Structures are given as structure tokens and as C-alpha cells.
C-alpha atoms as a PDB file:
ATOM      1  CA  MET A   1     -57.761  43.666  15.306  1.00  0.00           C
ATOM      2  CA  ILE A   2     -57.182  43.420  18.620  1.00  0.00           C
ATOM      3  CA  ALA A   3     -58.473  46.507  20.148  1.00  0.00           C
ATOM      4  CA  LYS A   4     -62.173  45.193  17.839  1.00  0.00           C
ATOM      5  CA  ASN A   5     -61.985  42.003  19.557  1.00  0.00           C
ATOM      6  CA  ILE A   6     -61.089  43.606  23.101  1.00  0.00           C
ATOM      7  CA  SER A   7     -64.150  46.011  22.940  1.00  0.00           C
ATOM      8  CA  GLY A   8     -66.693  43.366  21.492  1.00  0.00           C
ATOM      9  CA  LYS A   9     -66.176  41.787  24.718  1.00  0.00           C
ATOM     10  CA  PHE A  10     -66.030  44.960  26.947  1.00  0.00           C
ATOM     11  CA  GLY A  11     -69.665  45.977  24.913  1.00  0.00           C
ATOM     12  CA  GLU A  12     -70.931  42.281  25.377  1.00  0.00           C
ATOM     13  CA  ALA A  13     -70.041  42.471  29.806  1.00  0.00           C
ATOM     14  CA  TYR A  14     -71.331  45.991  29.492  1.00  0.00           C
ATOM     15  CA  ALA A  15     -74.824  44.323  27.478  1.00  0.00           C
ATOM     16  CA  ALA A  16     -75.032  40.966  30.063  1.00  0.00           C
ATOM     17  CA  LYS A  17     -75.377  43.911  32.319  1.00  0.00           C
ATOM     18  CA  TYR A  18     -77.996  46.307  30.717  1.00  0.00           C
ATOM     19  CA  LEU A  19     -80.256  43.376  30.097  1.00  0.00           C
ATOM     20  CA  GLU A  20     -79.702  42.036  34.037  1.00  0.00           C
ATOM     21  CA  GLY A  21     -80.056  45.197  34.741  1.00  0.00           C
ATOM     22  CA  ASN A  22     -83.746  45.394  32.924  1.00  0.00           C
ATOM     23  CA  GLY A  23     -85.185  41.873  34.626  1.00  0.00           C
ATOM     24  CA  TYR A  24     -83.289  39.723  32.190  1.00  0.00           C
ATOM     25  CA  LYS A  25     -82.000  36.568  32.713  1.00  0.00           C
ATOM     26  CA  ILE A  26     -78.568  35.231  31.330  1.00  0.00           C
ATOM     27  CA  ILE A  27     -78.641  31.732  31.490  1.00  0.00           C
ATOM     28  CA  ARG A  28     -75.215  31.555  29.512  1.00  0.00           C
ATOM     29  CA  ARG A  29     -72.259  33.753  27.356  1.00  0.00           C
ATOM     30  CA  ASN A  30     -71.027  32.791  23.883  1.00  0.00           C
ATOM     31  CA  TYR A  31     -73.144  30.062  23.081  1.00  0.00           C
ATOM     32  CA  LYS A  32     -71.592  28.254  20.240  1.00  0.00           C
ATOM     33  CA  THR A  33     -71.412  25.190  17.489  1.00  0.00           C
ATOM     34  CA  LYS A  34     -69.709  24.627  14.502  1.00  0.00           C
ATOM     35  CA  ILE A  35     -71.534  27.223  11.808  1.00  0.00           C
ATOM     36  CA  ALA A  36     -72.597  29.951  15.084  1.00  0.00           C
ATOM     37  CA  GLU A  37     -72.413  31.398  17.904  1.00  0.00           C
ATOM     38  CA  ILE A  38     -74.793  33.779  20.281  1.00  0.00           C
ATOM     39  CA  ASP A  39     -73.853  36.212  22.086  1.00  0.00           C
ATOM     40  CA  ILE A  40     -76.145  35.668  24.999  1.00  0.00           C
ATOM     41  CA  VAL A  41     -78.897  33.429  25.332  1.00  0.00           C
ATOM     42  CA  ALA A  42     -81.666  35.096  28.159  1.00  0.00           C
ATOM     43  CA  MET A  43     -84.875  34.730  29.869  1.00  0.00           C
ATOM     44  CA  ASP A  44     -86.768  37.964  29.511  1.00  0.00           C
ATOM     45  CA  GLY A  45     -89.537  36.607  31.847  1.00  0.00           C
ATOM     46  CA  ASP A  46     -91.360  33.787  30.273  1.00  0.00           C
ATOM     47  CA  VAL A  47     -89.492  34.314  26.863  1.00  0.00           C
ATOM     48  CA  LEU A  48     -86.165  33.289  25.336  1.00  0.00           C
ATOM     49  CA  CYS A  49     -83.972  35.125  24.128  1.00  0.00           C
ATOM     50  CA  PHE A  50     -81.188  35.116  21.775  1.00  0.00           C
ATOM     51  CA  VAL A  51     -79.667  38.540  21.721  1.00  0.00           C
ATOM     52  CA  GLU A  52     -76.831  39.409  19.125  1.00  0.00           C
ATOM     53  CA  VAL A  53     -74.396  41.931  20.818  1.00  0.00           C
ATOM     54  CA  LYS A  54     -72.907  45.016  18.467  1.00  0.00           C
ATOM     55  CA  THR A  55     -70.450  47.506  19.785  1.00  0.00           C
ATOM     56  CA  ARG A  56     -69.469  50.426  17.697  1.00  0.00           C
ATOM     57  CA  LYS A  57     -67.211  52.836  18.555  1.00  0.00           C
ATOM     58  CA  ASN A  58     -69.921  55.664  17.064  1.00  0.00           C
ATOM     59  CA  LYS A  59     -72.498  55.521  14.541  1.00  0.00           C
ATOM     60  CA  GLU A  60     -70.113  57.413  11.507  1.00  0.00           C
ATOM     61  CA  PHE A  61     -71.005  53.973   9.478  1.00  0.00           C
ATOM     62  CA  GLY A  62     -73.652  53.027  10.866  1.00  0.00           C
ATOM     63  CA  MET A  63     -76.589  51.885  13.010  1.00  0.00           C
ATOM     64  CA  GLY A  64     -75.557  47.702  15.135  1.00  0.00           C
ATOM     65  CA  LEU A  65     -78.499  46.877  14.668  1.00  0.00           C
ATOM     66  CA  GLU A  66     -78.017  48.159  10.669  1.00  0.00           C
ATOM     67  CA  ALA A  67     -74.402  44.903  11.370  1.00  0.00           C
ATOM     68  CA  VAL A  68     -77.594  42.321  11.737  1.00  0.00           C
ATOM     69  CA  ASP A  69     -77.865  41.381   8.303  1.00  0.00           C
ATOM     70  CA  LYS A  70     -79.004  38.489   6.476  1.00  0.00           C
ATOM     71  CA  ASN A  71     -76.138  36.365   6.383  1.00  0.00           C
ATOM     72  CA  LYS A  72     -75.923  37.252  10.980  1.00  0.00           C
ATOM     73  CA  ARG A  73     -79.447  36.725  10.976  1.00  0.00           C
ATOM     74  CA  ASN A  74     -79.478  32.810   9.702  1.00  0.00           C
ATOM     75  CA  LYS A  75     -76.552  32.036  11.534  1.00  0.00           C
ATOM     76  CA  MET A  76     -78.542  33.626  14.971  1.00  0.00           C
ATOM     77  CA  ILE A  77     -81.137  31.575  13.434  1.00  0.00           C
ATOM     78  CA  LEU A  78     -79.061  27.957  13.181  1.00  0.00           C
ATOM     79  CA  GLY A  79     -77.756  28.712  16.567  1.00  0.00           C
ATOM     80  CA  ALA A  80     -81.289  29.211  18.059  1.00  0.00           C
ATOM     81  CA  ARG A  81     -82.516  25.672  15.974  1.00  0.00           C
ATOM     82  CA  SER A  82     -79.385  23.708  17.737  1.00  0.00           C
ATOM     83  CA  TYR A  83     -79.565  25.215  21.216  1.00  0.00           C
ATOM     84  CA  LEU A  84     -83.813  24.432  20.943  1.00  0.00           C
ATOM     85  CA  ALA A  85     -82.294  21.052  19.955  1.00  0.00           C
ATOM     86  CA  THR A  86     -80.586  20.734  22.829  1.00  0.00           C
ATOM     87  CA  PHE A  87     -82.200  22.370  25.786  1.00  0.00           C
ATOM     88  CA  ASN A  88     -85.292  21.457  24.331  1.00  0.00           C
ATOM     89  CA  PRO A  89     -86.886  24.441  26.243  1.00  0.00           C
ATOM     90  CA  ASP A  90     -91.121  24.698  26.412  1.00  0.00           C
ATOM     91  CA  CYS A  91     -91.225  28.069  25.942  1.00  0.00           C
ATOM     92  CA  ASP A  92     -91.364  31.436  23.315  1.00  0.00           C
ATOM     93  CA  ILE A  93     -88.688  32.884  21.830  1.00  0.00           C
ATOM     94  CA  ARG A  94     -87.241  36.066  20.207  1.00  0.00           C
ATOM     95  CA  PHE A  95     -84.399  37.575  18.804  1.00  0.00           C
ATOM     96  CA  ASP A  96     -82.845  40.923  19.933  1.00  0.00           C
ATOM     97  CA  VAL A  97     -79.948  42.772  19.685  1.00  0.00           C
ATOM     98  CA  VAL A  98     -78.130  44.819  21.951  1.00  0.00           C
ATOM     99  CA  GLU A  99     -76.085  48.224  20.455  1.00  0.00           C
ATOM    100  CA  VAL A 100     -72.623  49.349  23.196  1.00  0.00           C
ATOM    101  CA  TYR A 101     -71.924  52.554  21.389  1.00  0.00           C
ATOM    102  CA  GLY A 102     -68.025  53.129  23.125  1.00  0.00           C
ATOM    103  CA  GLU A 103     -64.579  52.911  22.701  1.00  0.00           C
ATOM    104  CA  MET A 104     -61.295  51.675  25.023  1.00  0.00           C
ATOM    105  CA  LEU A 105     -59.504  54.576  27.009  1.00  0.00           C
ATOM    106  CA  SER A 106     -56.644  54.087  28.738  1.00  0.00           C
ATOM    107  CA  THR A 107     -58.678  53.864  32.212  1.00  0.00           C
ATOM    108  CA  GLY A 108     -60.645  50.931  30.510  1.00  0.00           C
ATOM    109  CA  PHE A 109     -64.381  51.223  28.492  1.00  0.00           C
ATOM    110  CA  ALA A 110     -66.404  54.225  28.201  1.00  0.00           C
ATOM    111  CA  VAL A 111     -69.850  53.245  27.227  1.00  0.00           C
ATOM    112  CA  SER A 112     -71.695  56.441  26.045  1.00  0.00           C
ATOM    113  CA  GLU A 113     -74.962  55.058  24.837  1.00  0.00           C
ATOM    114  CA  ILE A 114     -76.739  51.262  25.224  1.00  0.00           C
ATOM    115  CA  ASN A 115     -79.349  50.281  22.488  1.00  0.00           C
ATOM    116  CA  LEU A 116     -81.767  46.847  23.621  1.00  0.00           C
ATOM    117  CA  ILE A 117     -84.261  46.156  20.438  1.00  0.00           C
ATOM    118  CA  LYS A 118     -86.627  43.939  21.003  1.00  0.00           C
ATOM    119  CA  ASN A 119     -87.610  41.510  18.309  1.00  0.00           C
ATOM    120  CA  ALA A 120     -85.098  42.584  16.154  1.00  0.00           C
ATOM    121  CA  PHE A 121     -86.310  40.150  13.788  1.00  0.00           C
ATOM    122  CA  TYR A 122     -88.734  37.868  13.198  1.00  0.00           C
ATOM    123  CA  VAL A 123     -87.495  33.763  12.325  1.00  0.00           C
ATOM    124  CA  ASP A 124     -90.812  32.645   9.171  1.00  0.00           C
END
């Protein structure tokens, strides 16, 4: 479990750098409420994005996006609603997912692939 937590933190850091390199402005990392956590809150132009980061060693057990199931989506929506109620931004919102594939090596975390899925899901 420790290795998973460590690789997840490295994955989130790489995802944040990747998003910044693609024009996103990181507003907050690890926004937490009592029942939800948003990995990254960022602006992509004039759109507020709630971003889930999924770090995986490989695609053997499925893609990172597939792990953002209905339960996870509902928690992200609750977290986003809390953020919106607290900060009251006047902008459109979007839910994105960043898949980070890589592994811990003795020399550090090695990323083999990063995928950004914009509009990963919609809220009815």
C-alpha cells in the first residue's frame, strides 16, 4: 500500500506539471471535504476543471479512466459542489481525468505515458 500511495503522489505531481504545460492554471491540489477529494482544481482558459488523476503501472487491469466509476464520479460531483458553494466562481465547469502510467524505480518515478481526457463525464 505504501508504494501505491507514493506512486499516486508522484502521478499527481506529474499530472499537475502536464496540465500546466498544456495551459491549465492549477488553483488547488487535493481539495478535501468530509466525503470527497478532488485531486486537482484548475482553470483551462475560462473553464474550471475538477481533475481526477489515476496512476497505474500499466494497462493490464484496464485504463485509468475505467477506474472512475459511478461511485467515484458521484464523489467528484459532491466535491465540486462543495468547492462551488465555498468559492462561488462565475464560470463553466468540466470534469477531466488524467491517466498517468509509470512505476517507482530505484532512481525515482518513471512516467511512460500521460493521457488527458477532457469532459471525462457530464453531470445531468
